[in-house]
């Protein structure tokens, strides 16, 4: 089941464009592109097992990167950054 927060976190157009660019750019490191694809698939509402099967990964890997993304977003919420 998709987390509602994932849809909200990646619904910001700028963040979604950045992730799509990383996922499809030929000069992205393969690991970075894979992580971006995981986050985008989760944000689209796909279940963990569905994302894992589609990207040929384990469900554990999908859970790990989805959790890390959520932790980063929570640590640095959108808006003005402190200097």
C-alpha atoms as a PDB file:
ATOM      1  CA  UNK A   1       0.000   0.000   0.000  1.00  0.00           C
ATOM      2  CA  UNK A   2       1.290   3.448  -0.881  1.00  0.00           C
ATOM      3  CA  UNK A   3       1.877   5.959   1.832  1.00  0.00           C
ATOM      4  CA  UNK A   4      -0.229   9.124   1.445  1.00  0.00           C
ATOM      5  CA  UNK A   5       2.786  11.175   2.495  1.00  0.00           C
ATOM      6  CA  UNK A   6       4.779   9.889  -0.474  1.00  0.00           C
ATOM      7  CA  UNK A   7       2.216  11.278  -2.896  1.00  0.00           C
ATOM      8  CA  UNK A   8       2.306  14.639  -1.139  1.00  0.00           C
ATOM      9  CA  UNK A   9       6.109  14.748  -0.837  1.00  0.00           C
ATOM     10  CA  UNK A  10       6.640  14.216  -4.541  1.00  0.00           C
ATOM     11  CA  UNK A  11       3.622  16.204  -5.675  1.00  0.00           C
ATOM     12  CA  UNK A  12       5.675  19.370  -5.581  1.00  0.00           C
ATOM     13  CA  UNK A  13       6.299  19.893  -9.276  1.00  0.00           C
ATOM     14  CA  UNK A  14       9.914  20.960  -8.902  1.00  0.00           C
ATOM     15  CA  UNK A  15      10.875  17.912  -6.832  1.00  0.00           C
ATOM     16  CA  UNK A  16       9.074  15.557  -9.205  1.00  0.00           C
ATOM     17  CA  UNK A  17      10.844  17.083 -12.232  1.00  0.00           C
ATOM     18  CA  UNK A  18      14.190  16.704 -10.459  1.00  0.00           C
ATOM     19  CA  UNK A  19      13.526  13.037  -9.682  1.00  0.00           C
ATOM     20  CA  UNK A  20      12.337  12.349 -13.244  1.00  0.00           C
ATOM     21  CA  UNK A  21      15.469  13.978 -14.600  1.00  0.00           C
ATOM     22  CA  UNK A  22      17.664  11.823 -12.368  1.00  0.00           C
ATOM     23  CA  UNK A  23      15.731   8.685 -13.304  1.00  0.00           C
ATOM     24  CA  UNK A  24      16.033   9.178 -17.058  1.00  0.00           C
ATOM     25  CA  UNK A  25      19.265  11.096 -17.583  1.00  0.00           C
ATOM     26  CA  UNK A  26      21.979   9.041 -19.222  1.00  0.00           C
ATOM     27  CA  UNK A  27      24.716  10.677 -17.142  1.00  0.00           C
ATOM     28  CA  UNK A  28      23.134   9.811 -13.784  1.00  0.00           C
ATOM     29  CA  UNK A  29      24.899   7.185 -11.748  1.00  0.00           C
ATOM     30  CA  UNK A  30      22.916   3.946 -12.011  1.00  0.00           C
ATOM     31  CA  UNK A  31      22.330   3.854  -8.238  1.00  0.00           C
ATOM     32  CA  UNK A  32      20.924   7.399  -8.225  1.00  0.00           C
ATOM     33  CA  UNK A  33      18.650   6.679 -11.187  1.00  0.00           C
ATOM     34  CA  UNK A  34      17.377   3.506  -9.497  1.00  0.00           C
ATOM     35  CA  UNK A  35      16.589   5.386  -6.276  1.00  0.00           C
ATOM     36  CA  UNK A  36      14.751   8.096  -8.198  1.00  0.00           C
ATOM     37  CA  UNK A  37      12.665   5.452 -10.005  1.00  0.00           C
ATOM     38  CA  UNK A  38      11.789   3.843  -6.670  1.00  0.00           C
ATOM     39  CA  UNK A  39      10.611   7.150  -5.190  1.00  0.00           C
ATOM     40  CA  UNK A  40       8.589   8.074  -8.290  1.00  0.00           C
ATOM     41  CA  UNK A  41       6.896   4.670  -8.418  1.00  0.00           C
ATOM     42  CA  UNK A  42       6.013   4.867  -4.714  1.00  0.00           C
ATOM     43  CA  UNK A  43       4.694   8.398  -5.179  1.00  0.00           C
ATOM     44  CA  UNK A  44       2.444   7.162  -7.985  1.00  0.00           C
ATOM     45  CA  UNK A  45       0.702   4.990  -5.416  1.00  0.00           C
ATOM     46  CA  UNK A  46       2.188   1.628  -6.295  1.00  0.00           C
ATOM     47  CA  UNK A  47       2.535  -1.031  -3.615  1.00  0.00           C
ATOM     48  CA  UNK A  48       5.984  -2.037  -2.402  1.00  0.00           C
ATOM     49  CA  UNK A  49       5.792  -5.469  -3.999  1.00  0.00           C
ATOM     50  CA  UNK A  50       4.589  -3.976  -7.275  1.00  0.00           C
ATOM     51  CA  UNK A  51       7.484  -1.494  -7.357  1.00  0.00           C
ATOM     52  CA  UNK A  52       9.960  -4.231  -6.470  1.00  0.00           C
ATOM     53  CA  UNK A  53       8.706  -6.529  -9.203  1.00  0.00           C
ATOM     54  CA  UNK A  54       8.551  -3.774 -11.815  1.00  0.00           C
ATOM     55  CA  UNK A  55      12.107  -2.574 -11.101  1.00  0.00           C
ATOM     56  CA  UNK A  56      13.541  -6.066 -10.495  1.00  0.00           C
ATOM     57  CA  UNK A  57      14.471  -5.279  -6.891  1.00  0.00           C
ATOM     58  CA  UNK A  58      13.694  -6.785  -3.516  1.00  0.00           C
ATOM     59  CA  UNK A  59      10.849  -5.386  -1.439  1.00  0.00           C
ATOM     60  CA  UNK A  60      13.421  -4.663   1.278  1.00  0.00           C
ATOM     61  CA  UNK A  61      15.332  -2.348  -1.060  1.00  0.00           C
ATOM     62  CA  UNK A  62      12.163  -0.472  -2.007  1.00  0.00           C
ATOM     63  CA  UNK A  63      11.202  -0.050   1.664  1.00  0.00           C
ATOM     64  CA  UNK A  64      14.695   1.146   2.555  1.00  0.00           C
ATOM     65  CA  UNK A  65      14.813   3.915  -0.059  1.00  0.00           C
ATOM     66  CA  UNK A  66      11.209   4.994   0.478  1.00  0.00           C
ATOM     67  CA  UNK A  67      11.899   5.333   4.216  1.00  0.00           C
ATOM     68  CA  UNK A  68      15.123   7.249   3.624  1.00  0.00           C
ATOM     69  CA  UNK A  69      13.355   9.652   1.276  1.00  0.00           C
ATOM     70  CA  UNK A  70      10.622  10.293   3.842  1.00  0.00           C
ATOM     71  CA  UNK A  71      13.223  10.926   6.549  1.00  0.00           C
ATOM     72  CA  UNK A  72      15.045  13.427   4.324  1.00  0.00           C
ATOM     73  CA  UNK A  73      11.843  15.249   3.431  1.00  0.00           C
ATOM     74  CA  UNK A  74      10.874  15.437   7.101  1.00  0.00           C
ATOM     75  CA  UNK A  75      14.320  16.738   8.039  1.00  0.00           C
ATOM     76  CA  UNK A  76      14.259  19.421   5.317  1.00  0.00           C
ATOM     77  CA  UNK A  77      10.646  20.486   4.741  1.00  0.00           C
ATOM     78  CA  UNK A  78       9.869  22.652   1.714  1.00  0.00           C
ATOM     79  CA  UNK A  79      10.090  26.381   2.133  1.00  0.00           C
ATOM     80  CA  UNK A  80      12.771  28.767   3.146  1.00  0.00           C
ATOM     81  CA  UNK A  81      16.075  27.202   4.135  1.00  0.00           C
ATOM     82  CA  UNK A  82      18.014  28.552   7.058  1.00  0.00           C
ATOM     83  CA  UNK A  83      21.440  29.937   6.213  1.00  0.00           C
END
